[in-house]
């Protein structure tokens, strides 16, 4: 990076620009290519790996840095790192048509991969291949949104695909061990969150092995911890309840 006079000009190369309009003014930040989507999806956590500089610009290509007063009025703060994070989260990534197309195609594949990893056919308990999920996404004319994370969109795709094919998130297999005093009462509270009870043993304590929807895991975990004051235990036996064997549904 080279700095020229006047002092509010900075020259950058190989840059991805994220632009945001706020308070009637345009603000831009300079990022490394391919890092913006990694940040938005949660894959990249280090801001310095994303931003080429913590400066905020009115025009990156001309190297024009935004005035401090304009930033304070528009964002309510002059903390450059905080402003960069806001622009990174809500701004629009400026890319060429060719780059955008390539990016959307990659996101499409990534979404299909997440769906294939998380889901099964509920009748056979077998996973689907990525290529079948891609075909199904094309059949429902799913349109990738560049501003949303692939994980968010994968959950959206699962909901939409349920209308046209046999698909559901693979169940998690859990084991609870609950103190006898809380066991009976807690079992009633857990019932609506459990899909299938595979085994149940009530002696000095309640021990259950069951299948749940992954979306209920956090609620179950909090329920057991709070209601038993840390005396109960929860163990994940498998993240995906699928039939053994390599066969996948094509």
Protein backbone atom coordinates (compact mmCIF):
# COMPACT_ATOMS: atom_id res chain seq x y z
CA UNK A 1 0.00 0.00 0.00
CA UNK A 2 1.35 3.44 -0.89
CA UNK A 3 0.16 6.73 0.54
CA UNK A 4 0.00 9.84 -1.62
CA UNK A 5 -0.67 13.48 -0.87
CA UNK A 6 -3.22 14.78 -0.18
CA UNK A 7 -3.32 12.89 3.09
CA UNK A 8 -6.88 11.66 2.66
CA UNK A 9 -5.89 9.50 -0.35
CA UNK A 10 -4.89 5.85 -0.01
CA UNK A 11 -4.16 3.55 -2.95
CA UNK A 12 -5.06 -0.13 -2.71
CA UNK A 13 -4.76 -3.04 -5.15
CA UNK A 14 -6.52 -6.42 -5.63
CA UNK A 15 -9.43 -5.13 -3.60
CA UNK A 16 -13.02 -6.17 -3.02
CA UNK A 17 -15.20 -3.16 -2.16
CA UNK A 18 -18.19 -3.31 0.19
CA UNK A 19 -20.44 -0.24 -0.17
CA UNK A 20 -23.14 1.14 2.10
CA UNK A 21 -25.32 4.25 1.89
CA UNK A 22 -26.16 5.82 5.23
CA UNK A 23 -27.35 9.29 6.17
CA UNK A 24 -27.47 10.22 2.49
CA UNK A 25 -23.76 9.52 2.03
CA UNK A 26 -21.79 6.67 0.47
CA UNK A 27 -19.24 4.75 2.52
CA UNK A 28 -16.93 1.99 1.33
CA UNK A 29 -14.44 -0.39 2.90
CA UNK A 30 -11.58 -2.23 1.17
CA UNK A 31 -11.49 -5.98 1.71
CA UNK A 32 -9.46 -8.92 0.43
CA UNK A 33 -11.13 -10.84 -2.38
CA UNK A 34 -12.98 -14.02 -1.32
CA UNK A 35 -12.87 -13.01 2.35
CA UNK A 36 -16.14 -11.07 2.59
CA UNK A 37 -18.35 -14.15 2.15
CA UNK A 38 -16.12 -16.16 4.51
CA UNK A 39 -16.71 -13.49 7.18
CA UNK A 40 -20.46 -13.40 6.55
CA UNK A 41 -20.77 -17.19 6.74
CA UNK A 42 -18.78 -17.30 9.99
CA UNK A 43 -15.87 -19.26 8.48
CA UNK A 44 -13.47 -16.32 8.95
CA UNK A 45 -13.34 -14.75 12.43
CA UNK A 46 -10.26 -12.54 12.14
CA UNK A 47 -11.24 -9.06 10.89
CA UNK A 48 -7.64 -8.31 9.87
CA UNK A 49 -7.82 -11.22 7.42
CA UNK A 50 -10.83 -9.55 5.77
CA UNK A 51 -10.01 -5.83 5.78
CA UNK A 52 -7.09 -4.43 3.78
CA UNK A 53 -7.20 -1.40 6.08
CA UNK A 54 -9.47 -0.25 8.91
CA UNK A 55 -10.04 3.02 7.02
CA UNK A 56 -13.52 3.94 5.79
CA UNK A 57 -13.69 5.55 2.33
CA UNK A 58 -16.12 7.58 0.30
CA UNK A 59 -14.49 6.09 -2.79
CA UNK A 60 -12.02 3.20 -2.54
CA UNK A 61 -10.90 3.28 -6.18
CA UNK A 62 -9.93 6.98 -5.87
CA UNK A 63 -8.46 6.41 -2.40
CA UNK A 64 -10.72 9.05 -0.81
CA UNK A 65 -11.08 8.56 2.95
CA UNK A 66 -14.37 9.49 4.67
CA UNK A 67 -14.39 12.49 7.01
CA UNK A 68 -14.60 11.79 10.72
CA UNK A 69 -17.60 14.14 11.15
CA UNK A 70 -19.56 12.35 8.41
CA UNK A 71 -18.86 8.98 10.03
CA UNK A 72 -19.98 10.19 13.47
CA UNK A 73 -23.19 11.70 12.08
CA UNK A 74 -24.08 8.64 10.00
CA UNK A 75 -23.02 5.81 12.34
CA UNK A 76 -23.26 7.46 15.76
CA UNK A 77 -19.63 6.54 16.47
CA UNK A 78 -16.17 7.32 15.14
CA UNK A 79 -14.82 3.85 16.05
CA UNK A 80 -13.51 2.75 12.63
CA UNK A 81 -13.42 -0.95 13.48
CA UNK A 82 -17.06 -0.89 14.61
CA UNK A 83 -18.09 1.04 11.47
CA UNK A 84 -16.17 -1.43 9.25
CA UNK A 85 -18.06 -4.31 10.91
CA UNK A 86 -21.41 -2.61 10.22
CA UNK A 87 -20.55 -2.03 6.55
CA UNK A 88 -19.21 -5.58 6.26
CA UNK A 89 -22.45 -7.02 7.67
CA UNK A 90 -24.99 -4.87 5.82
CA UNK A 91 -23.16 -3.36 2.86
CA UNK A 92 -23.29 -4.49 -0.75
CA UNK A 93 -20.27 -6.32 -2.15
CA UNK A 94 -19.18 -4.69 -5.43
CA UNK A 95 -18.10 -7.35 -7.91
CA UNK A 96 -18.08 -7.79 -11.68
CA UNK A 97 -20.90 -9.77 -13.31
CA UNK A 98 -18.51 -12.65 -14.00
CA UNK A 99 -17.26 -12.71 -10.39
CA UNK A 100 -20.80 -12.48 -9.04
CA UNK A 101 -21.93 -15.41 -11.21
CA UNK A 102 -18.98 -17.51 -10.11
CA UNK A 103 -19.62 -16.61 -6.46
CA UNK A 104 -23.32 -17.51 -6.70
CA UNK A 105 -22.51 -20.85 -8.36
CA UNK A 106 -20.07 -21.68 -5.57
CA UNK A 107 -22.65 -20.71 -2.93
CA UNK A 108 -25.25 -22.88 -4.70
CA UNK A 109 -22.89 -25.89 -4.43
CA UNK A 110 -22.06 -25.07 -0.80
CA UNK A 111 -25.76 -24.87 0.14
CA UNK A 112 -26.46 -28.21 -1.57
CA UNK A 113 -23.52 -29.77 0.30
CA UNK A 114 -24.82 -28.55 3.69
CA UNK A 115 -28.32 -29.87 2.91
CA UNK A 116 -26.90 -33.26 1.85
CA UNK A 117 -24.83 -33.45 5.06
CA UNK A 118 -27.74 -32.57 7.34
CA UNK A 119 -30.61 -34.47 5.74
CA UNK A 120 -31.93 -37.94 5.00
CA UNK A 121 -34.91 -39.56 3.33
CA UNK A 122 -37.23 -40.11 6.33
CA UNK A 123 -38.50 -43.45 4.95
CA UNK A 124 -35.13 -45.08 4.26
CA UNK A 125 -32.92 -43.01 6.64
CA UNK A 126 -30.40 -42.82 3.79
CA UNK A 127 -28.59 -39.57 2.93
CA UNK A 128 -28.98 -37.88 -0.44
CA UNK A 129 -26.08 -37.07 -2.77
CA UNK A 130 -25.05 -33.46 -3.32
CA UNK A 131 -25.86 -33.75 -7.04
CA UNK A 132 -29.44 -34.87 -6.32
CA UNK A 133 -29.94 -31.92 -3.94
CA UNK A 134 -28.53 -29.56 -6.61
CA UNK A 135 -31.02 -30.95 -9.15
CA UNK A 136 -33.88 -30.57 -6.65
CA UNK A 137 -32.85 -26.96 -5.92
CA UNK A 138 -32.91 -26.22 -9.66
CA UNK A 139 -36.34 -27.86 -9.95
CA UNK A 140 -37.80 -25.51 -7.34
CA UNK A 141 -35.91 -22.60 -8.99
CA UNK A 142 -34.06 -21.73 -5.78
CA UNK A 143 -32.35 -18.36 -6.11
CA UNK A 144 -29.15 -17.90 -4.08
CA UNK A 145 -28.92 -14.69 -2.04
CA UNK A 146 -25.36 -13.36 -1.93
CA UNK A 147 -26.02 -11.37 1.27
CA UNK A 148 -27.20 -14.38 3.32
CA UNK A 149 -24.97 -17.08 4.78
CA UNK A 150 -24.99 -20.52 3.15
CA UNK A 151 -26.08 -22.08 6.46
CA UNK A 152 -29.16 -19.83 6.71
CA UNK A 153 -30.04 -20.59 3.10
CA UNK A 154 -29.55 -24.33 3.58
CA UNK A 155 -32.27 -24.28 6.29
CA UNK A 156 -34.50 -22.31 3.88
CA UNK A 157 -33.85 -24.89 1.12
CA UNK A 158 -34.75 -27.79 3.45
CA UNK A 159 -38.09 -26.12 4.23
CA UNK A 160 -38.84 -25.57 0.54
CA UNK A 161 -37.74 -29.04 -0.57
CA UNK A 162 -40.09 -30.67 1.96
CA UNK A 163 -42.97 -29.54 -0.26
CA UNK A 164 -41.73 -31.53 -3.25
CA UNK A 165 -39.70 -34.50 -1.90
CA UNK A 166 -39.21 -36.82 1.05
CA UNK A 167 -36.56 -35.00 3.07
CA UNK A 168 -35.95 -34.12 6.70
CA UNK A 169 -33.04 -33.18 8.93
CA UNK A 170 -31.36 -36.32 10.24
CA UNK A 171 -32.17 -36.86 13.90
CA UNK A 172 -29.55 -36.64 16.64
CA UNK A 173 -29.27 -39.55 19.08
CA UNK A 174 -28.94 -38.45 22.71
CA UNK A 175 -28.67 -40.09 26.12
CA UNK A 176 -30.07 -38.26 29.17
CA UNK A 177 -29.33 -39.28 32.72
CA UNK A 178 -31.60 -37.45 35.18
CA UNK A 179 -31.82 -37.60 38.99
CA UNK A 180 -34.83 -39.64 40.17
CA UNK A 181 -36.47 -36.68 41.93
CA UNK A 182 -36.57 -34.52 38.78
CA UNK A 183 -36.79 -37.42 36.32
CA UNK A 184 -40.55 -37.88 36.16
CA UNK A 185 -41.39 -34.16 36.03
CA UNK A 186 -38.65 -33.41 33.52
CA UNK A 187 -39.64 -36.32 31.29
CA UNK A 188 -43.05 -34.66 30.73
CA UNK A 189 -41.35 -31.39 29.72
CA UNK A 190 -38.97 -33.21 27.36
CA UNK A 191 -41.71 -35.27 25.68
CA UNK A 192 -42.73 -32.61 23.08
CA UNK A 193 -39.06 -32.14 22.10
CA UNK A 194 -38.30 -35.85 21.58
CA UNK A 195 -39.10 -37.60 18.29
CA UNK A 196 -38.45 -41.24 19.27
CA UNK A 197 -37.64 -42.85 22.64
CA UNK A 198 -35.36 -45.83 21.90
CA UNK A 199 -34.83 -47.00 25.48
CA UNK A 200 -35.83 -45.95 28.97
CA UNK A 201 -34.58 -47.18 32.32
CA UNK A 202 -35.90 -45.78 35.61
CA UNK A 203 -34.13 -47.12 38.68
CA UNK A 204 -32.15 -44.82 40.97
CA UNK A 205 -32.23 -42.35 38.10
CA UNK A 206 -33.92 -41.93 34.74
CA UNK A 207 -31.80 -42.93 31.76
CA UNK A 208 -33.21 -42.40 28.26
CA UNK A 209 -31.82 -42.85 24.76
CA UNK A 210 -33.81 -40.93 22.17
CA UNK A 211 -33.83 -39.24 18.78
CA UNK A 212 -34.44 -35.51 18.47
CA UNK A 213 -34.59 -32.85 15.79
CA UNK A 214 -31.20 -31.03 15.87
CA UNK A 215 -33.03 -27.73 16.16
CA UNK A 216 -34.26 -28.74 19.64
CA UNK A 217 -30.83 -29.59 21.06
CA UNK A 218 -30.12 -26.21 22.69
CA UNK A 219 -33.56 -26.08 24.33
CA UNK A 220 -33.16 -29.63 25.71
CA UNK A 221 -29.64 -28.90 26.97
CA UNK A 222 -30.80 -25.73 28.77
CA UNK A 223 -33.86 -27.48 30.21
CA UNK A 224 -31.80 -30.31 31.71
CA UNK A 225 -29.10 -27.97 33.08
CA UNK A 226 -31.57 -25.53 34.66
CA UNK A 227 -34.11 -28.03 36.01
CA UNK A 228 -31.52 -30.39 37.54
CA UNK A 229 -29.13 -27.57 38.61
CA UNK A 230 -26.29 -29.32 36.81
CA UNK A 231 -26.95 -32.78 38.29
CA UNK A 232 -28.39 -34.24 35.10
CA UNK A 233 -26.24 -35.17 32.12
CA UNK A 234 -26.75 -35.07 28.37
CA UNK A 235 -24.58 -37.02 25.94
CA UNK A 236 -24.64 -36.87 22.14
CA UNK A 237 -24.35 -40.46 20.88
CA UNK A 238 -24.52 -39.53 17.19
CA UNK A 239 -25.05 -36.30 15.30
CA UNK A 240 -26.86 -38.05 12.46
CA UNK A 241 -29.14 -41.06 12.74
CA UNK A 242 -28.63 -42.69 9.32
CA UNK A 243 -28.74 -46.25 8.11
CA UNK A 244 -25.36 -47.97 8.08
CA UNK A 245 -23.71 -48.53 4.70
CA UNK A 246 -22.40 -46.39 1.87
CA UNK A 247 -25.54 -46.35 -0.20
CA UNK A 248 -26.82 -42.89 -0.96
CA UNK A 249 -30.01 -41.93 -2.72
CA UNK A 250 -29.29 -40.71 -6.22
